[in-house]
Amino acid sequence: MLKWEPFTPLVERMEQESPELLAGLHALKEQMLPAEFEKYINSLIRIRKGNGMLLLITKKEMYRSIIESRFVPLIRSSFGVNRVQIISQP
């Protein structure tokens, strides 16, 4: 039986699941407009870091394109990674 759960913003989930990513999220938030951070970053399905790479999973292909074109340099510097991969998962 499936159970419906309301969506929890990324920052709240990372406090529980991956607190080591919070510093990067806060650094990124400081460099973005609040509305853009909420729309494109805090709505991410998942974020993972490892081996100098950051993986972002977003719910919309349009969000993936916007993040890729506008925010990748900020993301790299905020999280201290060399590579950012963004995929969309409907």
N, C-alpha and C. Protein backbone atom coordinates (compact mmCIF):
# COMPACT_ATOMS: atom_id res chain seq x y z
N MET A 1 0.83 -1.17 0.00
CA MET A 1 0.00 0.00 0.00
C MET A 1 0.89 1.25 0.00
N LEU A 2 0.62 2.16 -0.92
CA LEU A 2 1.38 3.40 -1.01
C LEU A 2 0.84 4.42 -0.03
N LYS A 3 1.76 5.20 0.49
CA LYS A 3 1.38 6.24 1.43
C LYS A 3 1.86 7.58 0.89
N TRP A 4 1.01 8.58 0.88
CA TRP A 4 1.38 9.90 0.39
C TRP A 4 2.04 10.69 1.50
N GLU A 5 3.20 11.25 1.18
CA GLU A 5 3.94 12.08 2.13
C GLU A 5 4.10 13.47 1.51
N PRO A 6 3.86 14.52 2.26
CA PRO A 6 4.08 15.86 1.70
C PRO A 6 5.58 16.09 1.45
N PHE A 7 5.88 16.92 0.45
CA PHE A 7 7.27 17.19 0.10
C PHE A 7 7.92 18.04 1.19
N THR A 8 9.09 17.63 1.60
CA THR A 8 9.87 18.36 2.59
C THR A 8 11.00 19.07 1.86
N PRO A 9 11.18 20.38 2.08
CA PRO A 9 12.26 21.11 1.41
C PRO A 9 13.63 20.47 1.68
N LEU A 10 14.52 20.61 0.71
CA LEU A 10 15.83 19.97 0.76
C LEU A 10 16.61 20.32 2.03
N VAL A 11 16.65 21.58 2.41
CA VAL A 11 17.43 21.98 3.58
C VAL A 11 16.95 21.25 4.83
N GLU A 12 15.65 21.12 5.00
CA GLU A 12 15.11 20.40 6.16
C GLU A 12 15.49 18.93 6.13
N ARG A 13 15.44 18.31 4.95
CA ARG A 13 15.81 16.90 4.84
C ARG A 13 17.29 16.68 5.11
N MET A 14 18.12 17.61 4.64
CA MET A 14 19.57 17.45 4.81
C MET A 14 19.98 17.59 6.28
N GLU A 15 19.21 18.33 7.06
CA GLU A 15 19.49 18.41 8.49
C GLU A 15 19.46 17.03 9.13
N GLN A 16 18.58 16.17 8.64
CA GLN A 16 18.44 14.82 9.17
C GLN A 16 19.33 13.80 8.43
N GLU A 17 19.33 13.87 7.10
CA GLU A 17 19.97 12.84 6.29
C GLU A 17 21.47 13.05 6.05
N SER A 18 21.86 14.29 5.77
CA SER A 18 23.26 14.58 5.41
C SER A 18 23.68 15.95 5.93
N PRO A 19 23.83 16.08 7.24
CA PRO A 19 24.17 17.39 7.79
C PRO A 19 25.51 17.94 7.28
N GLU A 20 26.38 17.08 6.76
CA GLU A 20 27.65 17.55 6.22
C GLU A 20 27.49 18.41 4.97
N LEU A 21 26.31 18.36 4.36
CA LEU A 21 26.04 19.17 3.16
C LEU A 21 25.44 20.53 3.49
N LEU A 22 25.07 20.75 4.74
CA LEU A 22 24.41 22.00 5.11
C LEU A 22 25.28 23.23 4.89
N ALA A 23 26.56 23.16 5.18
CA ALA A 23 27.45 24.31 4.99
C ALA A 23 27.45 24.74 3.52
N GLY A 24 27.51 23.78 2.62
CA GLY A 24 27.47 24.09 1.19
C GLY A 24 26.14 24.69 0.78
N LEU A 25 25.05 24.15 1.31
CA LEU A 25 23.73 24.69 0.99
C LEU A 25 23.58 26.12 1.49
N HIS A 26 24.06 26.39 2.69
CA HIS A 26 23.96 27.75 3.24
C HIS A 26 24.84 28.72 2.46
N ALA A 27 26.02 28.29 2.05
CA ALA A 27 26.90 29.14 1.24
C ALA A 27 26.26 29.44 -0.11
N LEU A 28 25.61 28.45 -0.70
CA LEU A 28 24.93 28.64 -1.97
C LEU A 28 23.75 29.60 -1.81
N LYS A 29 23.00 29.41 -0.75
CA LYS A 29 21.83 30.26 -0.49
C LYS A 29 22.22 31.73 -0.37
N GLU A 30 23.37 32.00 0.23
CA GLU A 30 23.83 33.38 0.39
C GLU A 30 24.17 34.04 -0.94
N GLN A 31 24.47 33.25 -1.96
CA GLN A 31 24.88 33.79 -3.26
C GLN A 31 23.74 33.86 -4.28
N MET A 32 22.58 33.33 -3.91
CA MET A 32 21.44 33.31 -4.83
C MET A 32 20.33 34.21 -4.29
N LEU A 33 19.46 34.63 -5.19
CA LEU A 33 18.26 35.33 -4.76
C LEU A 33 17.39 34.33 -3.99
N PRO A 34 16.73 34.77 -2.91
CA PRO A 34 15.93 33.84 -2.11
C PRO A 34 14.89 33.06 -2.93
N ALA A 35 14.20 33.72 -3.84
CA ALA A 35 13.18 33.03 -4.64
C ALA A 35 13.81 31.97 -5.55
N GLU A 36 14.99 32.27 -6.10
CA GLU A 36 15.67 31.29 -6.96
C GLU A 36 16.14 30.09 -6.15
N PHE A 37 16.69 30.32 -4.97
CA PHE A 37 17.13 29.22 -4.12
C PHE A 37 15.95 28.30 -3.79
N GLU A 38 14.83 28.89 -3.39
CA GLU A 38 13.66 28.09 -3.04
C GLU A 38 13.15 27.30 -4.24
N LYS A 39 13.08 27.93 -5.39
CA LYS A 39 12.51 27.28 -6.57
C LYS A 39 13.40 26.18 -7.14
N TYR A 40 14.70 26.46 -7.26
CA TYR A 40 15.58 25.53 -7.97
C TYR A 40 16.41 24.61 -7.07
N ILE A 41 16.74 25.04 -5.88
CA ILE A 41 17.61 24.24 -5.02
C ILE A 41 16.83 23.56 -3.90
N ASN A 42 16.03 24.32 -3.17
CA ASN A 42 15.31 23.74 -2.03
C ASN A 42 14.23 22.76 -2.48
N SER A 43 13.93 22.75 -3.78
CA SER A 43 12.94 21.81 -4.32
C SER A 43 13.58 20.55 -4.89
N LEU A 44 14.91 20.42 -4.79
CA LEU A 44 15.59 19.24 -5.34
C LEU A 44 15.09 17.97 -4.65
N ILE A 45 15.04 16.90 -5.41
CA ILE A 45 14.64 15.60 -4.87
C ILE A 45 15.77 15.03 -4.01
N ARG A 46 17.00 15.18 -4.49
CA ARG A 46 18.14 14.60 -3.77
C ARG A 46 19.40 15.34 -4.15
N ILE A 47 20.35 15.30 -3.26
CA ILE A 47 21.69 15.85 -3.50
C ILE A 47 22.68 14.91 -2.82
N ARG A 48 23.74 14.57 -3.55
CA ARG A 48 24.77 13.67 -3.03
C ARG A 48 26.14 14.19 -3.43
N LYS A 49 27.12 14.01 -2.55
CA LYS A 49 28.49 14.47 -2.81
C LYS A 49 29.44 13.31 -2.60
N GLY A 50 30.40 13.19 -3.52
CA GLY A 50 31.41 12.16 -3.38
C GLY A 50 32.44 12.24 -4.48
N ASN A 51 33.70 11.97 -4.13
CA ASN A 51 34.80 11.93 -5.10
C ASN A 51 34.90 13.21 -5.93
N GLY A 52 34.74 14.36 -5.29
CA GLY A 52 34.87 15.64 -6.00
C GLY A 52 33.72 15.98 -6.91
N MET A 53 32.60 15.25 -6.78
CA MET A 53 31.44 15.48 -7.63
C MET A 53 30.20 15.68 -6.78
N LEU A 54 29.31 16.51 -7.26
CA LEU A 54 28.02 16.72 -6.62
C LEU A 54 26.93 16.30 -7.60
N LEU A 55 26.03 15.46 -7.15
CA LEU A 55 24.90 15.00 -7.96
C LEU A 55 23.63 15.67 -7.45
N LEU A 56 22.91 16.32 -8.35
CA LEU A 56 21.64 16.95 -8.02
C LEU A 56 20.55 16.26 -8.83
N ILE A 57 19.45 15.91 -8.16
CA ILE A 57 18.31 15.32 -8.86
C ILE A 57 17.14 16.28 -8.67
N THR A 58 16.63 16.76 -9.80
CA THR A 58 15.53 17.72 -9.79
C THR A 58 14.29 17.08 -10.38
N LYS A 59 13.15 17.69 -10.09
CA LYS A 59 11.89 17.09 -10.53
C LYS A 59 11.44 17.55 -11.91
N LYS A 60 12.11 18.55 -12.48
CA LYS A 60 11.70 19.06 -13.78
C LYS A 60 12.91 19.25 -14.69
N GLU A 61 12.76 18.88 -15.93
CA GLU A 61 13.82 19.07 -16.92
C GLU A 61 14.13 20.55 -17.08
N MET A 62 13.13 21.39 -17.03
CA MET A 62 13.35 22.84 -17.15
C MET A 62 14.24 23.34 -16.01
N TYR A 63 14.02 22.85 -14.79
CA TYR A 63 14.85 23.25 -13.65
C TYR A 63 16.29 22.78 -13.86
N ARG A 64 16.46 21.58 -14.40
CA ARG A 64 17.80 21.07 -14.69
C ARG A 64 18.53 22.01 -15.64
N SER A 65 17.85 22.42 -16.69
CA SER A 65 18.46 23.32 -17.67
C SER A 65 18.83 24.66 -17.06
N ILE A 66 17.96 25.20 -16.23
CA ILE A 66 18.23 26.50 -15.61
C ILE A 66 19.38 26.41 -14.63
N ILE A 67 19.38 25.38 -13.80
CA ILE A 67 20.48 25.20 -12.84
C ILE A 67 21.80 25.06 -13.60
N GLU A 68 21.79 24.25 -14.65
CA GLU A 68 22.99 24.01 -15.43
C GLU A 68 23.51 25.29 -16.08
N SER A 69 22.63 26.10 -16.59
CA SER A 69 23.06 27.30 -17.32
C SER A 69 23.39 28.48 -16.41
N ARG A 70 22.83 28.53 -15.20
CA ARG A 70 23.00 29.73 -14.38
C ARG A 70 23.74 29.53 -13.06
N PHE A 71 23.72 28.32 -12.50
CA PHE A 71 24.20 28.19 -11.13
C PHE A 71 25.35 27.22 -10.90
N VAL A 72 25.80 26.52 -11.91
CA VAL A 72 26.85 25.51 -11.70
C VAL A 72 28.13 26.10 -11.10
N PRO A 73 28.65 27.25 -11.58
CA PRO A 73 29.85 27.79 -10.93
C PRO A 73 29.64 28.10 -9.44
N LEU A 74 28.48 28.62 -9.08
CA LEU A 74 28.18 28.89 -7.67
C LEU A 74 28.10 27.59 -6.87
N ILE A 75 27.50 26.58 -7.45
CA ILE A 75 27.37 25.28 -6.78
C ILE A 75 28.75 24.66 -6.55
N ARG A 76 29.59 24.69 -7.60
CA ARG A 76 30.94 24.13 -7.46
C ARG A 76 31.71 24.81 -6.34
N SER A 77 31.68 26.13 -6.31
CA SER A 77 32.45 26.84 -5.28
C SER A 77 31.85 26.66 -3.89
N SER A 78 30.53 26.62 -3.78
CA SER A 78 29.87 26.47 -2.48
C SER A 78 30.15 25.11 -1.85
N PHE A 79 30.22 24.07 -2.67
CA PHE A 79 30.41 22.72 -2.16
C PHE A 79 31.85 22.22 -2.29
N GLY A 80 32.71 23.01 -2.93
CA GLY A 80 34.10 22.62 -3.08
C GLY A 80 34.28 21.38 -3.93
N VAL A 81 33.55 21.31 -5.03
CA VAL A 81 33.65 20.16 -5.93
C VAL A 81 34.15 20.61 -7.30
N ASN A 82 34.66 19.67 -8.06
CA ASN A 82 35.16 19.94 -9.41
C ASN A 82 34.07 19.76 -10.46
N ARG A 83 33.12 18.91 -10.15
CA ARG A 83 32.11 18.53 -11.16
C ARG A 83 30.73 18.51 -10.53
N VAL A 84 29.75 18.98 -11.30
CA VAL A 84 28.35 18.95 -10.87
C VAL A 84 27.57 18.23 -11.96
N GLN A 85 26.82 17.22 -11.57
CA GLN A 85 25.95 16.50 -12.50
C GLN A 85 24.52 16.72 -12.06
N ILE A 86 23.67 17.08 -13.01
CA ILE A 86 22.27 17.36 -12.69
C ILE A 86 21.41 16.47 -13.58
N ILE A 87 20.50 15.75 -12.96
CA ILE A 87 19.56 14.93 -13.73
C ILE A 87 18.14 15.27 -13.27
N SER A 88 17.20 15.04 -14.18
CA SER A 88 15.81 15.26 -13.81
C SER A 88 15.11 13.92 -13.68
N GLN A 89 14.25 13.84 -12.71
CA GLN A 89 13.50 12.61 -12.43
C GLN A 89 12.05 13.04 -12.26
N PRO A 90 11.23 12.77 -13.24
CA PRO A 90 9.82 13.19 -13.13
C PRO A 90 9.07 12.50 -12.01
